[in-house]
């Protein structure tokens, strides 16, 4: 959470690659793809409306490529994401602190990118309403956090007037299944250093499997379980400046690549206006 009047922003670079993927439940390679790579640079921002209510936004520029075959990588601005994060409850007793957060937001494409050329497409093209709940428990400098989210996804439109999934559709409109995600992370959270391990799951609530030797489709049933680790480092002499990093690996999936990914970013935080004595005394961070 950002404190009241505090603003934090910075870029984060992400890299993900795979040479094996799940075609339904069958894990395989594809010599027409070789190794698939997805990279992005995202500018993120977070502002403290109050100590307990933050607004966050992010926009990535994404580019893709493969090492074999004839498919050409795509690139462009992907989706704008905007969230409100509310600390709805906090209770502290001794060295223990329990917090409950509710997050709501949306994402929507900022460019007319091609969604019908997966895995080269830079996104799925749907406008999403996202609802997320988070519970955080901290004992001294050790913590555990559990998160669950629901994604309500709009239908998307192809640049053709018919398509086949499990049956023929004489339309350009594709019904997108909604989705859910879950995350558990635990580790050390100090004043200047955060180090954590995590496990996450993405689960499309519907959809269908890729057929043999076929390309992915936006409304496929995409599932992935990832394990990873992350860190945050804050400079003691310049506490507004911090560096973050994450690494993740897909251990199980369905209609997705078995990817290894990492990200790294630098952020700077400052106050738009001075906090008065009352604000400082009521700060719960």
C-alpha atoms as a PDB file:
ATOM      1  CA  UNK A   1       0.000   0.000   0.000  1.00  0.00           C
ATOM      2  CA  UNK A   2       1.082   3.578  -0.743  1.00  0.00           C
ATOM      3  CA  UNK A   3       0.544   6.087   2.045  1.00  0.00           C
ATOM      4  CA  UNK A   4      -1.851   9.011   1.588  1.00  0.00           C
ATOM      5  CA  UNK A   5      -0.560  11.436  -1.106  1.00  0.00           C
ATOM      6  CA  UNK A   6       2.289   9.033  -1.979  1.00  0.00           C
ATOM      7  CA  UNK A   7       2.916   8.202  -5.650  1.00  0.00           C
ATOM      8  CA  UNK A   8       5.078   5.329  -6.921  1.00  0.00           C
ATOM      9  CA  UNK A   9       5.924   4.597 -10.541  1.00  0.00           C
ATOM     10  CA  UNK A  10       8.485   2.857 -12.716  1.00  0.00           C
ATOM     11  CA  UNK A  11       9.144   0.437 -15.570  1.00  0.00           C
ATOM     12  CA  UNK A  12       9.293  -3.337 -15.308  1.00  0.00           C
ATOM     13  CA  UNK A  13      10.736  -5.673 -17.953  1.00  0.00           C
ATOM     14  CA  UNK A  14       9.407  -9.222 -18.354  1.00  0.00           C
ATOM     15  CA  UNK A  15      10.748 -12.163 -20.356  1.00  0.00           C
ATOM     16  CA  UNK A  16       9.114 -15.558 -20.893  1.00  0.00           C
ATOM     17  CA  UNK A  17      10.051 -18.476 -23.152  1.00  0.00           C
ATOM     18  CA  UNK A  18       9.126 -22.102 -23.780  1.00  0.00           C
ATOM     19  CA  UNK A  19       9.927 -24.901 -26.233  1.00  0.00           C
ATOM     20  CA  UNK A  20       7.350 -27.376 -24.879  1.00  0.00           C
ATOM     21  CA  UNK A  21       3.621 -26.833 -24.512  1.00  0.00           C
ATOM     22  CA  UNK A  22       0.476 -28.714 -23.593  1.00  0.00           C
ATOM     23  CA  UNK A  23      -1.883 -29.547 -26.469  1.00  0.00           C
ATOM     24  CA  UNK A  24      -4.826 -30.293 -24.228  1.00  0.00           C
ATOM     25  CA  UNK A  25      -3.135 -32.566 -21.677  1.00  0.00           C
ATOM     26  CA  UNK A  26      -0.468 -33.830 -24.111  1.00  0.00           C
ATOM     27  CA  UNK A  27       2.921 -32.167 -23.595  1.00  0.00           C
ATOM     28  CA  UNK A  28       4.865 -31.855 -26.833  1.00  0.00           C
ATOM     29  CA  UNK A  29       7.363 -29.874 -28.895  1.00  0.00           C
ATOM     30  CA  UNK A  30       6.806 -28.298 -32.310  1.00  0.00           C
ATOM     31  CA  UNK A  31       9.610 -27.936 -34.851  1.00  0.00           C
ATOM     32  CA  UNK A  32       7.562 -25.283 -36.685  1.00  0.00           C
ATOM     33  CA  UNK A  33       7.896 -23.054 -33.612  1.00  0.00           C
ATOM     34  CA  UNK A  34      11.175 -23.979 -31.970  1.00  0.00           C
ATOM     35  CA  UNK A  35      11.452 -21.745 -28.909  1.00  0.00           C
ATOM     36  CA  UNK A  36       8.707 -19.181 -28.326  1.00  0.00           C
ATOM     37  CA  UNK A  37       9.646 -15.898 -26.617  1.00  0.00           C
ATOM     38  CA  UNK A  38       7.404 -13.192 -25.174  1.00  0.00           C
ATOM     39  CA  UNK A  39       8.874  -9.931 -23.872  1.00  0.00           C
ATOM     40  CA  UNK A  40       7.259  -6.809 -22.479  1.00  0.00           C
ATOM     41  CA  UNK A  41       8.019  -3.472 -20.878  1.00  0.00           C
ATOM     42  CA  UNK A  42       5.292  -2.146 -18.607  1.00  0.00           C
ATOM     43  CA  UNK A  43       4.989   1.268 -16.982  1.00  0.00           C
ATOM     44  CA  UNK A  44       3.182   0.951 -13.656  1.00  0.00           C
ATOM     45  CA  UNK A  45       1.901   3.552 -11.195  1.00  0.00           C
ATOM     46  CA  UNK A  46       0.313   3.508  -7.729  1.00  0.00           C
ATOM     47  CA  UNK A  47      -1.156   6.461  -5.806  1.00  0.00           C
ATOM     48  CA  UNK A  48      -2.387   6.635  -2.213  1.00  0.00           C
ATOM     49  CA  UNK A  49      -5.798   8.328  -2.134  1.00  0.00           C
ATOM     50  CA  UNK A  50      -5.769   7.481   1.578  1.00  0.00           C
ATOM     51  CA  UNK A  51      -3.598   5.171   3.665  1.00  0.00           C
ATOM     52  CA  UNK A  52      -6.211   2.457   3.063  1.00  0.00           C
ATOM     53  CA  UNK A  53      -7.251   3.165  -0.537  1.00  0.00           C
ATOM     54  CA  UNK A  54      -4.883   3.080  -3.528  1.00  0.00           C
ATOM     55  CA  UNK A  55      -5.430   3.461  -7.253  1.00  0.00           C
ATOM     56  CA  UNK A  56      -3.087   1.536  -9.583  1.00  0.00           C
ATOM     57  CA  UNK A  57      -2.578   1.461 -13.350  1.00  0.00           C
ATOM     58  CA  UNK A  58      -0.292  -0.198 -15.885  1.00  0.00           C
ATOM     59  CA  UNK A  59       0.253  -0.374 -19.652  1.00  0.00           C
ATOM     60  CA  UNK A  60       2.631  -2.887 -21.336  1.00  0.00           C
ATOM     61  CA  UNK A  61       4.307  -2.891 -24.725  1.00  0.00           C
ATOM     62  CA  UNK A  62       4.640  -6.527 -25.836  1.00  0.00           C
ATOM     63  CA  UNK A  63       6.595  -8.310 -28.573  1.00  0.00           C
ATOM     64  CA  UNK A  64       6.768 -11.997 -29.523  1.00  0.00           C
ATOM     65  CA  UNK A  65       8.931 -14.243 -31.695  1.00  0.00           C
ATOM     66  CA  UNK A  66       9.755 -17.881 -32.434  1.00  0.00           C
ATOM     67  CA  UNK A  67      13.108 -19.408 -33.364  1.00  0.00           C
ATOM     68  CA  UNK A  68      11.882 -21.702 -36.173  1.00  0.00           C
ATOM     69  CA  UNK A  69       9.242 -21.897 -38.887  1.00  0.00           C
ATOM     70  CA  UNK A  70       7.587 -19.140 -40.879  1.00  0.00           C
ATOM     71  CA  UNK A  71       5.464 -17.371 -38.249  1.00  0.00           C
ATOM     72  CA  UNK A  72       6.367 -13.713 -37.757  1.00  0.00           C
ATOM     73  CA  UNK A  73       6.349 -12.154 -34.318  1.00  0.00           C
ATOM     74  CA  UNK A  74       3.913  -9.375 -33.437  1.00  0.00           C
ATOM     75  CA  UNK A  75       4.388  -6.306 -31.268  1.00  0.00           C
ATOM     76  CA  UNK A  76       2.454  -3.364 -29.919  1.00  0.00           C
ATOM     77  CA  UNK A  77       0.736  -1.728 -26.962  1.00  0.00           C
ATOM     78  CA  UNK A  78      -1.419  -4.287 -25.226  1.00  0.00           C
ATOM     79  CA  UNK A  79      -4.045  -3.610 -22.501  1.00  0.00           C
ATOM     80  CA  UNK A  80      -4.583  -0.790 -20.002  1.00  0.00           C
ATOM     81  CA  UNK A  81      -5.244  -2.076 -16.467  1.00  0.00           C
ATOM     82  CA  UNK A  82      -6.720   0.105 -13.689  1.00  0.00           C
ATOM     83  CA  UNK A  83      -7.413  -1.074 -10.113  1.00  0.00           C
ATOM     84  CA  UNK A  84      -8.674   0.232  -6.790  1.00  0.00           C
ATOM     85  CA  UNK A  85      -7.135  -1.493  -3.772  1.00  0.00           C
ATOM     86  CA  UNK A  86      -8.877  -1.107  -0.398  1.00  0.00           C
ATOM     87  CA  UNK A  87      -7.525  -2.266   2.934  1.00  0.00           C
ATOM     88  CA  UNK A  88     -10.891  -3.218   4.396  1.00  0.00           C
ATOM     89  CA  UNK A  89      -9.668  -4.581   7.742  1.00  0.00           C
ATOM     90  CA  UNK A  90      -6.533  -4.639   9.832  1.00  0.00           C
ATOM     91  CA  UNK A  91      -5.919  -5.962  13.334  1.00  0.00           C
ATOM     92  CA  UNK A  92      -2.641  -6.060  15.182  1.00  0.00           C
ATOM     93  CA  UNK A  93      -1.893  -7.803  18.469  1.00  0.00           C
ATOM     94  CA  UNK A  94       1.659  -8.042  19.674  1.00  0.00           C
ATOM     95  CA  UNK A  95       3.932  -9.277  16.887  1.00  0.00           C
ATOM     96  CA  UNK A  96       0.992 -10.489  14.781  1.00  0.00           C
ATOM     97  CA  UNK A  97      -0.923  -8.468  12.192  1.00  0.00           C
ATOM     98  CA  UNK A  98      -3.862  -9.588  10.042  1.00  0.00           C
ATOM     99  CA  UNK A  99      -5.035  -7.567   7.017  1.00  0.00           C
ATOM    100  CA  UNK A 100      -7.848  -8.013   4.504  1.00  0.00           C
ATOM    101  CA  UNK A 101      -7.767  -6.329   1.082  1.00  0.00           C
ATOM    102  CA  UNK A 102     -10.425  -6.021  -1.611  1.00  0.00           C
ATOM    103  CA  UNK A 103      -9.327  -5.109  -5.145  1.00  0.00           C
ATOM    104  CA  UNK A 104     -11.501  -4.285  -8.127  1.00  0.00           C
ATOM    105  CA  UNK A 105     -10.572  -3.120 -11.592  1.00  0.00           C
ATOM    106  CA  UNK A 106     -10.718  -3.569 -15.324  1.00  0.00           C
ATOM    107  CA  UNK A 107      -8.461  -4.084 -18.315  1.00  0.00           C
ATOM    108  CA  UNK A 108      -9.117  -3.232 -21.955  1.00  0.00           C
ATOM    109  CA  UNK A 109      -7.080  -3.256 -25.190  1.00  0.00           C
ATOM    110  CA  UNK A 110      -5.455   0.027 -26.202  1.00  0.00           C
ATOM    111  CA  UNK A 111      -4.698  -1.082 -29.766  1.00  0.00           C
ATOM    112  CA  UNK A 112      -6.396  -3.151 -32.451  1.00  0.00           C
ATOM    113  CA  UNK A 113      -3.935  -6.037 -32.260  1.00  0.00           C
ATOM    114  CA  UNK A 114      -4.477  -9.394 -33.973  1.00  0.00           C
ATOM    115  CA  UNK A 115      -5.923 -11.961 -31.529  1.00  0.00           C
ATOM    116  CA  UNK A 116      -6.277 -14.733 -34.122  1.00  0.00           C
ATOM    117  CA  UNK A 117      -2.616 -15.686 -34.484  1.00  0.00           C
ATOM    118  CA  UNK A 118      -1.816 -17.372 -31.190  1.00  0.00           C
ATOM    119  CA  UNK A 119       0.771 -17.883 -29.803  1.00  0.00           C
ATOM    120  CA  UNK A 120       2.195 -14.872 -31.687  1.00  0.00           C
ATOM    121  CA  UNK A 121      -0.670 -12.556 -30.652  1.00  0.00           C
ATOM    122  CA  UNK A 122       0.249 -10.081 -27.920  1.00  0.00           C
ATOM    123  CA  UNK A 123      -3.054 -10.559 -26.067  1.00  0.00           C
ATOM    124  CA  UNK A 124      -6.547 -12.066 -26.146  1.00  0.00           C
ATOM    125  CA  UNK A 125      -8.385  -8.807 -26.862  1.00  0.00           C
ATOM    126  CA  UNK A 126     -11.136  -9.014 -24.244  1.00  0.00           C
ATOM    127  CA  UNK A 127     -12.249  -6.287 -21.860  1.00  0.00           C
ATOM    128  CA  UNK A 128     -12.177  -7.705 -18.344  1.00  0.00           C
ATOM    129  CA  UNK A 129     -13.740  -6.848 -14.995  1.00  0.00           C
ATOM    130  CA  UNK A 130     -11.527  -8.178 -12.202  1.00  0.00           C
ATOM    131  CA  UNK A 131     -12.511  -8.815  -8.586  1.00  0.00           C
ATOM    132  CA  UNK A 132      -9.822  -9.920  -6.131  1.00  0.00           C
ATOM    133  CA  UNK A 133      -9.684 -10.682  -2.410  1.00  0.00           C
ATOM    134  CA  UNK A 134      -6.457 -10.896  -0.391  1.00  0.00           C
ATOM    135  CA  UNK A 135      -5.663 -12.016   3.158  1.00  0.00           C
ATOM    136  CA  UNK A 136      -2.259 -11.194   4.633  1.00  0.00           C
ATOM    137  CA  UNK A 137      -0.849 -12.438   7.943  1.00  0.00           C
ATOM    138  CA  UNK A 138       2.440 -11.166   9.347  1.00  0.00           C
ATOM    139  CA  UNK A 139       4.364 -12.392  12.408  1.00  0.00           C
ATOM    140  CA  UNK A 140       7.273 -10.088  13.132  1.00  0.00           C
ATOM    141  CA  UNK A 141       9.022  -9.964   9.740  1.00  0.00           C
ATOM    142  CA  UNK A 142       7.563 -13.210   8.375  1.00  0.00           C
ATOM    143  CA  UNK A 143       4.378 -13.253   6.322  1.00  0.00           C
ATOM    144  CA  UNK A 144       1.919 -15.370   4.341  1.00  0.00           C
ATOM    145  CA  UNK A 145      -0.537 -14.021   1.772  1.00  0.00           C
ATOM    146  CA  UNK A 146      -3.425 -15.774  -0.009  1.00  0.00           C
ATOM    147  CA  UNK A 147      -5.214 -14.245  -3.007  1.00  0.00           C
ATOM    148  CA  UNK A 148      -8.184 -15.307  -5.135  1.00  0.00           C
ATOM    149  CA  UNK A 149      -9.480 -13.452  -8.203  1.00  0.00           C
ATOM    150  CA  UNK A 150     -12.359 -13.726 -10.679  1.00  0.00           C
ATOM    151  CA  UNK A 151     -12.151 -12.387 -14.253  1.00  0.00           C
ATOM    152  CA  UNK A 152     -15.356 -11.547 -16.113  1.00  0.00           C
ATOM    153  CA  UNK A 153     -14.327 -11.402 -19.790  1.00  0.00           C
ATOM    154  CA  UNK A 154     -16.156  -9.806 -22.701  1.00  0.00           C
ATOM    155  CA  UNK A 155     -16.596 -11.531 -26.055  1.00  0.00           C
ATOM    156  CA  UNK A 156     -13.997 -10.816 -28.743  1.00  0.00           C
ATOM    157  CA  UNK A 157     -14.191 -10.392 -32.522  1.00  0.00           C
ATOM    158  CA  UNK A 158     -12.059 -12.000 -35.249  1.00  0.00           C
ATOM    159  CA  UNK A 159     -11.060 -10.529 -38.603  1.00  0.00           C
ATOM    160  CA  UNK A 160     -13.086 -13.230 -40.402  1.00  0.00           C
ATOM    161  CA  UNK A 161     -16.769 -14.096 -40.598  1.00  0.00           C
ATOM    162  CA  UNK A 162     -16.624 -17.735 -39.493  1.00  0.00           C
ATOM    163  CA  UNK A 163     -14.545 -20.073 -37.336  1.00  0.00           C
ATOM    164  CA  UNK A 164     -14.548 -23.609 -35.973  1.00  0.00           C
ATOM    165  CA  UNK A 165     -13.914 -24.576 -32.353  1.00  0.00           C
ATOM    166  CA  UNK A 166     -15.896 -27.724 -31.545  1.00  0.00           C
ATOM    167  CA  UNK A 167     -18.477 -26.755 -34.170  1.00  0.00           C
ATOM    168  CA  UNK A 168     -18.844 -24.295 -37.037  1.00  0.00           C
ATOM    169  CA  UNK A 169     -19.773 -20.698 -36.137  1.00  0.00           C
ATOM    170  CA  UNK A 170     -20.931 -18.367 -38.943  1.00  0.00           C
ATOM    171  CA  UNK A 171     -19.963 -15.216 -37.082  1.00  0.00           C
ATOM    172  CA  UNK A 172     -16.911 -13.154 -36.169  1.00  0.00           C
ATOM    173  CA  UNK A 173     -17.872 -13.062 -32.458  1.00  0.00           C
ATOM    174  CA  UNK A 174     -16.177 -15.460 -30.039  1.00  0.00           C
ATOM    175  CA  UNK A 175     -17.674 -16.138 -26.609  1.00  0.00           C
ATOM    176  CA  UNK A 176     -14.876 -15.938 -24.050  1.00  0.00           C
ATOM    177  CA  UNK A 177     -15.100 -18.068 -20.900  1.00  0.00           C
ATOM    178  CA  UNK A 178     -14.491 -16.303 -17.616  1.00  0.00           C
ATOM    179  CA  UNK A 179     -11.460 -17.194 -15.519  1.00  0.00           C
ATOM    180  CA  UNK A 180     -10.145 -17.454 -11.960  1.00  0.00           C
ATOM    181  CA  UNK A 181      -6.682 -17.209 -10.459  1.00  0.00           C
ATOM    182  CA  UNK A 182      -5.185 -18.126  -7.095  1.00  0.00           C
ATOM    183  CA  UNK A 183      -1.909 -17.154  -5.459  1.00  0.00           C
ATOM    184  CA  UNK A 184      -0.150 -18.093  -2.238  1.00  0.00           C
ATOM    185  CA  UNK A 185       3.102 -16.410  -1.242  1.00  0.00           C
ATOM    186  CA  UNK A 186       5.169 -16.503   1.929  1.00  0.00           C
ATOM    187  CA  UNK A 187       8.524 -15.235   3.104  1.00  0.00           C
ATOM    188  CA  UNK A 188      10.374 -12.409   4.787  1.00  0.00           C
ATOM    189  CA  UNK A 189       9.142  -8.800   4.729  1.00  0.00           C
ATOM    190  CA  UNK A 190      11.519  -6.349   6.359  1.00  0.00           C
ATOM    191  CA  UNK A 191      11.784  -2.600   6.121  1.00  0.00           C
ATOM    192  CA  UNK A 192      14.327  -2.677   3.283  1.00  0.00           C
ATOM    193  CA  UNK A 193      14.175  -6.264   1.976  1.00  0.00           C
ATOM    194  CA  UNK A 194      11.333  -8.538   0.891  1.00  0.00           C
ATOM    195  CA  UNK A 195      12.038 -12.139  -0.164  1.00  0.00           C
ATOM    196  CA  UNK A 196       9.264 -14.587  -0.950  1.00  0.00           C
ATOM    197  CA  UNK A 197       8.345 -17.928  -2.522  1.00  0.00           C
ATOM    198  CA  UNK A 198       5.044 -18.343  -4.349  1.00  0.00           C
ATOM    199  CA  UNK A 199       2.716 -20.759  -6.090  1.00  0.00           C
ATOM    200  CA  UNK A 200      -0.033 -19.594  -8.444  1.00  0.00           C
ATOM    201  CA  UNK A 201      -2.775 -21.073 -10.589  1.00  0.00           C
ATOM    202  CA  UNK A 202      -4.708 -19.729 -13.592  1.00  0.00           C
ATOM    203  CA  UNK A 203      -7.906 -21.564 -14.537  1.00  0.00           C
ATOM    204  CA  UNK A 204     -10.177 -20.739 -17.480  1.00  0.00           C
ATOM    205  CA  UNK A 205     -13.759 -21.553 -16.439  1.00  0.00           C
ATOM    206  CA  UNK A 206     -14.799 -23.249 -19.650  1.00  0.00           C
ATOM    207  CA  UNK A 207     -13.434 -23.362 -23.177  1.00  0.00           C
ATOM    208  CA  UNK A 208     -12.119 -26.327 -25.153  1.00  0.00           C
ATOM    209  CA  UNK A 209      -8.837 -28.099 -25.871  1.00  0.00           C
ATOM    210  CA  UNK A 210      -6.584 -27.463 -28.844  1.00  0.00           C
ATOM    211  CA  UNK A 211      -6.958 -30.117 -31.507  1.00  0.00           C
ATOM    212  CA  UNK A 212      -3.973 -32.133 -32.707  1.00  0.00           C
ATOM    213  CA  UNK A 213      -1.414 -30.052 -34.656  1.00  0.00           C
ATOM    214  CA  UNK A 214      -3.679 -26.991 -34.546  1.00  0.00           C
ATOM    215  CA  UNK A 215      -3.009 -23.440 -33.381  1.00  0.00           C
ATOM    216  CA  UNK A 216      -4.290 -22.135 -30.038  1.00  0.00           C
ATOM    217  CA  UNK A 217      -7.597 -20.217 -30.054  1.00  0.00           C
ATOM    218  CA  UNK A 218      -8.640 -17.289 -27.797  1.00  0.00           C
ATOM    219  CA  UNK A 219     -11.421 -19.280 -26.092  1.00  0.00           C
ATOM    220  CA  UNK A 220      -9.309 -22.377 -25.349  1.00  0.00           C
ATOM    221  CA  UNK A 221      -9.372 -23.833 -21.849  1.00  0.00           C
ATOM    222  CA  UNK A 222      -6.050 -22.406 -20.635  1.00  0.00           C
ATOM    223  CA  UNK A 223      -4.746 -23.620 -17.279  1.00  0.00           C
ATOM    224  CA  UNK A 224      -1.358 -23.151 -15.636  1.00  0.00           C
ATOM    225  CA  UNK A 225       0.259 -23.820 -12.264  1.00  0.00           C
ATOM    226  CA  UNK A 226       3.454 -21.853 -11.580  1.00  0.00           C
ATOM    227  CA  UNK A 227       6.057 -21.812  -8.821  1.00  0.00           C
ATOM    228  CA  UNK A 228       8.469 -18.972  -8.293  1.00  0.00           C
ATOM    229  CA  UNK A 229      10.309 -16.536  -6.078  1.00  0.00           C
ATOM    230  CA  UNK A 230      10.505 -12.762  -5.784  1.00  0.00           C
ATOM    231  CA  UNK A 231      12.362  -9.969  -4.037  1.00  0.00           C
ATOM    232  CA  UNK A 232      12.214  -6.250  -3.368  1.00  0.00           C
ATOM    233  CA  UNK A 233      15.169  -4.139  -2.299  1.00  0.00           C
ATOM    234  CA  UNK A 234      14.827  -0.580  -0.952  1.00  0.00           C
ATOM    235  CA  UNK A 235      17.863   1.677  -0.635  1.00  0.00           C
ATOM    236  CA  UNK A 236      18.448   2.794   2.959  1.00  0.00           C
ATOM    237  CA  UNK A 237      19.805   6.229   1.979  1.00  0.00           C
ATOM    238  CA  UNK A 238      17.145   6.758  -0.702  1.00  0.00           C
ATOM    239  CA  UNK A 239      14.057   5.044   0.664  1.00  0.00           C
ATOM    240  CA  UNK A 240      11.922   6.222  -2.258  1.00  0.00           C
ATOM    241  CA  UNK A 241      13.991   4.093  -4.646  1.00  0.00           C
ATOM    242  CA  UNK A 242      13.486   0.322  -4.899  1.00  0.00           C
ATOM    243  CA  UNK A 243      14.263  -2.604  -7.202  1.00  0.00           C
ATOM    244  CA  UNK A 244      12.042  -5.664  -7.705  1.00  0.00           C
ATOM    245  CA  UNK A 245      12.465  -9.018  -9.424  1.00  0.00           C
ATOM    246  CA  UNK A 246      10.609 -12.292  -9.934  1.00  0.00           C
ATOM    247  CA  UNK A 247      11.239 -15.686 -11.509  1.00  0.00           C
ATOM    248  CA  UNK A 248       8.528 -18.280 -12.328  1.00  0.00           C
ATOM    249  CA  UNK A 249       8.295 -21.733 -13.877  1.00  0.00           C
ATOM    250  CA  UNK A 250       5.187 -23.535 -15.165  1.00  0.00           C
ATOM    251  CA  UNK A 251       5.024 -26.980 -13.566  1.00  0.00           C
ATOM    252  CA  UNK A 252       1.678 -28.066 -15.019  1.00  0.00           C
ATOM    253  CA  UNK A 253      -0.712 -26.773 -17.636  1.00  0.00           C
ATOM    254  CA  UNK A 254      -3.358 -27.239 -20.313  1.00  0.00           C
ATOM    255  CA  UNK A 255      -3.217 -25.536 -23.722  1.00  0.00           C
ATOM    256  CA  UNK A 256      -0.320 -23.318 -22.562  1.00  0.00           C
ATOM    257  CA  UNK A 257       3.453 -23.330 -22.870  1.00  0.00           C
ATOM    258  CA  UNK A 258       5.736 -24.707 -20.171  1.00  0.00           C
ATOM    259  CA  UNK A 259       7.387 -21.378 -19.666  1.00  0.00           C
ATOM    260  CA  UNK A 260      10.305 -20.057 -17.678  1.00  0.00           C
ATOM    261  CA  UNK A 261       9.894 -16.358 -16.986  1.00  0.00           C
ATOM    262  CA  UNK A 262      11.500 -13.532 -15.061  1.00  0.00           C
ATOM    263  CA  UNK A 263      10.904  -9.842 -14.524  1.00  0.00           C
ATOM    264  CA  UNK A 264      12.885  -6.928 -13.112  1.00  0.00           C
ATOM    265  CA  UNK A 265      11.981  -3.323 -12.445  1.00  0.00           C
ATOM    266  CA  UNK A 266      12.936  -0.113 -10.697  1.00  0.00           C
ATOM    267  CA  UNK A 267      10.432   2.113  -8.898  1.00  0.00           C
ATOM    268  CA  UNK A 268      10.543   5.542  -7.285  1.00  0.00           C
ATOM    269  CA  UNK A 269       8.084   6.811  -4.669  1.00  0.00           C
ATOM    270  CA  UNK A 270       7.494  10.381  -3.475  1.00  0.00           C
ATOM    271  CA  UNK A 271       4.803  12.531  -1.878  1.00  0.00           C
ATOM    272  CA  UNK A 272       2.705  14.992  -3.887  1.00  0.00           C
ATOM    273  CA  UNK A 273       2.088  17.056  -0.750  1.00  0.00           C
ATOM    274  CA  UNK A 274       3.298  17.078   2.840  1.00  0.00           C
ATOM    275  CA  UNK A 275       1.404  14.901   5.273  1.00  0.00           C
ATOM    276  CA  UNK A 276       0.241  16.654   8.407  1.00  0.00           C
ATOM    277  CA  UNK A 277       0.725  15.322  11.912  1.00  0.00           C
ATOM    278  CA  UNK A 278      -2.734  13.702  11.949  1.00  0.00           C
ATOM    279  CA  UNK A 279      -2.015  11.826   8.704  1.00  0.00           C
ATOM    280  CA  UNK A 280       1.292  10.490  10.030  1.00  0.00           C
ATOM    281  CA  UNK A 281      -0.245   9.345  13.295  1.00  0.00           C
ATOM    282  CA  UNK A 282      -3.008   7.404  11.496  1.00  0.00           C
ATOM    283  CA  UNK A 283      -0.675   5.719   9.005  1.00  0.00           C
ATOM    284  CA  UNK A 284      -1.267   1.940   9.156  1.00  0.00           C
ATOM    285  CA  UNK A 285       1.517   0.756   6.811  1.00  0.00           C
END
